[in-house]
């Protein structure tokens, strides 16, 4: 990690932040779509509403935490190849 410049570190952090933000936005949109199906706004089967809700909540809360943990671990202990 010592051979990376400040600009490279900032670019990596910015791209990771954008990725996590997009995951959260996608999860929120899935939850809204699931709620729309439950309310009858979207003409889809009811099981899709529950699927969208579960997947959206998972993408909204769990996936960003997992990505942050993986990236933090890789920064501390870079993989050896």
N, C-alpha and C. Protein backbone atom coordinates (compact mmCIF):
# COMPACT_ATOMS: atom_id res chain seq x y z
N UNK A 1 0.80 -1.17 0.00
CA UNK A 1 0.00 0.00 0.00
C UNK A 1 0.86 1.25 0.00
N UNK A 2 2.11 1.15 0.38
CA UNK A 2 2.97 2.32 0.47
C UNK A 2 3.33 2.86 -0.91
N UNK A 3 3.24 2.04 -1.95
CA UNK A 3 3.61 2.50 -3.28
C UNK A 3 2.48 3.23 -4.00
N UNK A 4 1.29 3.33 -3.40
CA UNK A 4 0.18 4.05 -3.99
C UNK A 4 0.29 5.54 -3.67
N UNK A 5 -0.03 6.37 -4.65
CA UNK A 5 -0.02 7.80 -4.41
C UNK A 5 -1.32 8.23 -3.76
N UNK A 6 -1.32 9.44 -3.26
CA UNK A 6 -2.53 9.98 -2.61
C UNK A 6 -3.69 10.02 -3.60
N UNK A 7 -3.41 10.39 -4.84
CA UNK A 7 -4.46 10.47 -5.85
C UNK A 7 -5.06 9.09 -6.13
N UNK A 8 -4.23 8.06 -6.18
CA UNK A 8 -4.73 6.70 -6.41
C UNK A 8 -5.59 6.23 -5.25
N UNK A 9 -5.18 6.54 -4.05
CA UNK A 9 -5.95 6.14 -2.87
C UNK A 9 -7.30 6.86 -2.86
N UNK A 10 -7.29 8.16 -3.18
CA UNK A 10 -8.54 8.92 -3.22
C UNK A 10 -9.46 8.43 -4.33
N UNK A 11 -8.89 8.08 -5.48
CA UNK A 11 -9.70 7.57 -6.59
C UNK A 11 -10.33 6.24 -6.22
N UNK A 12 -9.57 5.38 -5.54
CA UNK A 12 -10.11 4.08 -5.11
C UNK A 12 -11.23 4.27 -4.09
N UNK A 13 -11.03 5.19 -3.15
CA UNK A 13 -12.05 5.45 -2.14
C UNK A 13 -13.31 6.03 -2.78
N UNK A 14 -13.13 6.92 -3.74
CA UNK A 14 -14.29 7.52 -4.42
C UNK A 14 -15.08 6.46 -5.19
N UNK A 15 -14.38 5.58 -5.90
CA UNK A 15 -15.09 4.55 -6.66
C UNK A 15 -15.80 3.57 -5.74
N UNK A 16 -15.21 3.27 -4.61
CA UNK A 16 -15.86 2.38 -3.65
C UNK A 16 -17.09 3.03 -3.05
N UNK A 17 -16.99 4.32 -2.74
CA UNK A 17 -18.13 5.05 -2.20
C UNK A 17 -19.28 5.06 -3.20
N UNK A 18 -18.96 5.30 -4.47
CA UNK A 18 -19.99 5.32 -5.51
C UNK A 18 -20.62 3.95 -5.65
N UNK A 19 -19.83 2.89 -5.60
CA UNK A 19 -20.35 1.54 -5.72
C UNK A 19 -21.31 1.22 -4.57
N UNK A 20 -20.93 1.56 -3.35
CA UNK A 20 -21.80 1.29 -2.20
C UNK A 20 -23.07 2.12 -2.31
N UNK A 21 -22.95 3.37 -2.74
CA UNK A 21 -24.13 4.23 -2.88
C UNK A 21 -25.08 3.68 -3.94
N UNK A 22 -24.55 3.19 -5.04
CA UNK A 22 -25.39 2.63 -6.09
C UNK A 22 -26.08 1.34 -5.63
N UNK A 23 -25.38 0.54 -4.83
CA UNK A 23 -26.00 -0.66 -4.28
C UNK A 23 -27.17 -0.28 -3.38
N UNK A 24 -26.97 0.72 -2.53
CA UNK A 24 -28.04 1.14 -1.63
C UNK A 24 -29.21 1.73 -2.41
N UNK A 25 -28.93 2.51 -3.45
CA UNK A 25 -29.99 3.07 -4.27
C UNK A 25 -30.78 1.96 -4.97
N UNK A 26 -30.07 0.99 -5.52
CA UNK A 26 -30.73 -0.14 -6.17
C UNK A 26 -31.61 -0.92 -5.19
N UNK A 27 -31.11 -1.12 -3.98
CA UNK A 27 -31.90 -1.81 -2.96
C UNK A 27 -33.15 -1.04 -2.58
N UNK A 28 -33.00 0.28 -2.45
CA UNK A 28 -34.16 1.10 -2.11
C UNK A 28 -35.20 1.06 -3.23
N UNK A 29 -34.75 1.09 -4.47
CA UNK A 29 -35.68 1.01 -5.60
C UNK A 29 -36.39 -0.34 -5.64
N UNK A 30 -35.68 -1.41 -5.29
CA UNK A 30 -36.32 -2.73 -5.25
C UNK A 30 -37.39 -2.78 -4.16
N UNK A 31 -37.12 -2.17 -3.01
CA UNK A 31 -38.10 -2.14 -1.93
C UNK A 31 -39.32 -1.35 -2.37
N UNK A 32 -39.11 -0.20 -3.02
CA UNK A 32 -40.24 0.60 -3.49
C UNK A 32 -41.05 -0.18 -4.52
N UNK A 33 -40.37 -0.89 -5.42
CA UNK A 33 -41.09 -1.70 -6.41
C UNK A 33 -41.88 -2.80 -5.73
N UNK A 34 -41.32 -3.43 -4.71
CA UNK A 34 -42.04 -4.45 -3.97
C UNK A 34 -43.27 -3.90 -3.28
N UNK A 35 -43.14 -2.70 -2.70
CA UNK A 35 -44.29 -2.07 -2.07
C UNK A 35 -45.35 -1.69 -3.11
N UNK A 36 -44.90 -1.29 -4.29
CA UNK A 36 -45.84 -0.95 -5.36
C UNK A 36 -46.63 -2.18 -5.80
N UNK A 37 -45.98 -3.32 -5.84
CA UNK A 37 -46.68 -4.56 -6.19
C UNK A 37 -47.68 -4.92 -5.09
N UNK A 38 -47.29 -4.76 -3.84
CA UNK A 38 -48.21 -5.06 -2.73
C UNK A 38 -49.44 -4.16 -2.77
N UNK A 39 -49.28 -2.92 -3.18
CA UNK A 39 -50.40 -1.97 -3.23
C UNK A 39 -51.22 -2.11 -4.51
N UNK A 40 -50.76 -2.93 -5.45
CA UNK A 40 -51.50 -3.13 -6.68
C UNK A 40 -51.17 -2.13 -7.77
N UNK A 41 -50.16 -1.31 -7.56
CA UNK A 41 -49.77 -0.32 -8.57
C UNK A 41 -49.10 -1.01 -9.75
N UNK A 42 -48.27 -1.98 -9.46
CA UNK A 42 -47.62 -2.76 -10.52
C UNK A 42 -48.35 -4.10 -10.65
N UNK A 43 -48.78 -4.44 -11.86
CA UNK A 43 -49.54 -5.69 -12.04
C UNK A 43 -48.63 -6.91 -12.15
N UNK A 44 -48.07 -7.31 -11.03
CA UNK A 44 -47.21 -8.49 -10.98
C UNK A 44 -47.77 -9.45 -9.93
N UNK A 45 -47.37 -10.72 -10.01
CA UNK A 45 -47.81 -11.68 -8.98
C UNK A 45 -47.32 -11.26 -7.59
N UNK A 46 -48.05 -11.65 -6.58
CA UNK A 46 -47.74 -11.25 -5.21
C UNK A 46 -46.38 -11.78 -4.74
N UNK A 47 -45.99 -12.96 -5.24
CA UNK A 47 -44.70 -13.51 -4.80
C UNK A 47 -43.54 -12.63 -5.24
N UNK A 48 -43.70 -11.90 -6.34
CA UNK A 48 -42.62 -11.00 -6.76
C UNK A 48 -42.45 -9.84 -5.79
N UNK A 49 -43.55 -9.43 -5.15
CA UNK A 49 -43.46 -8.36 -4.16
C UNK A 49 -42.57 -8.78 -3.00
N UNK A 50 -42.80 -9.98 -2.51
CA UNK A 50 -42.00 -10.45 -1.38
C UNK A 50 -40.54 -10.69 -1.79
N UNK A 51 -40.35 -11.20 -2.98
CA UNK A 51 -38.99 -11.40 -3.48
C UNK A 51 -38.26 -10.07 -3.61
N UNK A 52 -38.93 -9.07 -4.19
CA UNK A 52 -38.32 -7.75 -4.33
C UNK A 52 -38.01 -7.13 -2.97
N UNK A 53 -38.91 -7.29 -2.02
CA UNK A 53 -38.68 -6.73 -0.69
C UNK A 53 -37.49 -7.37 -0.01
N UNK A 54 -37.42 -8.69 -0.05
CA UNK A 54 -36.31 -9.39 0.61
C UNK A 54 -34.98 -9.06 -0.07
N UNK A 55 -34.96 -9.14 -1.40
CA UNK A 55 -33.72 -8.85 -2.11
C UNK A 55 -33.32 -7.38 -1.95
N UNK A 56 -34.30 -6.49 -1.97
CA UNK A 56 -34.01 -5.07 -1.81
C UNK A 56 -33.45 -4.75 -0.44
N UNK A 57 -34.04 -5.31 0.60
CA UNK A 57 -33.52 -5.08 1.95
C UNK A 57 -32.12 -5.67 2.12
N UNK A 58 -31.89 -6.83 1.52
CA UNK A 58 -30.56 -7.45 1.57
C UNK A 58 -29.54 -6.55 0.87
N UNK A 59 -29.91 -6.04 -0.30
CA UNK A 59 -28.99 -5.18 -1.06
C UNK A 59 -28.83 -3.81 -0.38
N UNK A 60 -29.83 -3.38 0.33
CA UNK A 60 -29.77 -2.08 0.98
C UNK A 60 -28.92 -2.10 2.24
N UNK A 61 -28.99 -3.18 3.02
CA UNK A 61 -28.32 -3.21 4.31
C UNK A 61 -27.14 -4.17 4.41
N UNK A 62 -27.22 -5.33 3.81
CA UNK A 62 -26.20 -6.36 4.02
C UNK A 62 -25.03 -6.24 3.04
N UNK A 63 -25.33 -6.10 1.76
CA UNK A 63 -24.27 -6.07 0.74
C UNK A 63 -23.28 -4.92 0.97
N UNK A 64 -23.72 -3.69 1.25
CA UNK A 64 -22.73 -2.63 1.49
C UNK A 64 -21.81 -2.92 2.68
N UNK A 65 -22.35 -3.53 3.72
CA UNK A 65 -21.52 -3.90 4.87
C UNK A 65 -20.48 -4.94 4.48
N UNK A 66 -20.90 -5.91 3.67
CA UNK A 66 -19.98 -6.95 3.23
C UNK A 66 -18.87 -6.36 2.36
N UNK A 67 -19.24 -5.48 1.43
CA UNK A 67 -18.24 -4.85 0.57
C UNK A 67 -17.24 -4.04 1.37
N UNK A 68 -17.74 -3.26 2.33
CA UNK A 68 -16.85 -2.45 3.15
C UNK A 68 -15.88 -3.33 3.94
N UNK A 69 -16.38 -4.43 4.47
CA UNK A 69 -15.51 -5.32 5.25
C UNK A 69 -14.46 -5.98 4.35
N UNK A 70 -14.87 -6.42 3.16
CA UNK A 70 -13.92 -7.05 2.23
C UNK A 70 -12.85 -6.05 1.80
N UNK A 71 -13.27 -4.86 1.44
CA UNK A 71 -12.31 -3.86 0.99
C UNK A 71 -11.38 -3.44 2.11
N UNK A 72 -11.90 -3.32 3.33
CA UNK A 72 -11.07 -2.94 4.46
C UNK A 72 -10.04 -4.03 4.75
N UNK A 73 -10.46 -5.29 4.69
CA UNK A 73 -9.55 -6.40 4.92
C UNK A 73 -8.47 -6.46 3.84
N UNK A 74 -8.87 -6.26 2.58
CA UNK A 74 -7.90 -6.30 1.49
C UNK A 74 -6.92 -5.15 1.56
N UNK A 75 -7.34 -4.01 2.09
CA UNK A 75 -6.42 -2.89 2.24
C UNK A 75 -5.38 -3.16 3.32
N UNK A 76 -5.81 -3.84 4.36
CA UNK A 76 -4.88 -4.13 5.46
C UNK A 76 -3.95 -5.28 5.10
N UNK A 77 -4.49 -6.32 4.49
CA UNK A 77 -3.73 -7.51 4.11
C UNK A 77 -3.91 -7.75 2.61
N UNK A 78 -3.15 -7.09 1.77
CA UNK A 78 -3.33 -7.29 0.33
C UNK A 78 -3.07 -8.73 -0.06
N UNK A 79 -3.85 -9.26 -1.03
CA UNK A 79 -3.64 -10.65 -1.45
C UNK A 79 -2.28 -10.81 -2.13
N UNK A 80 -1.67 -11.93 -1.86
CA UNK A 80 -0.37 -12.22 -2.50
C UNK A 80 -0.60 -13.15 -3.66
N UNK A 81 -0.05 -12.77 -4.80
CA UNK A 81 -0.27 -13.60 -6.00
C UNK A 81 1.04 -14.04 -6.59
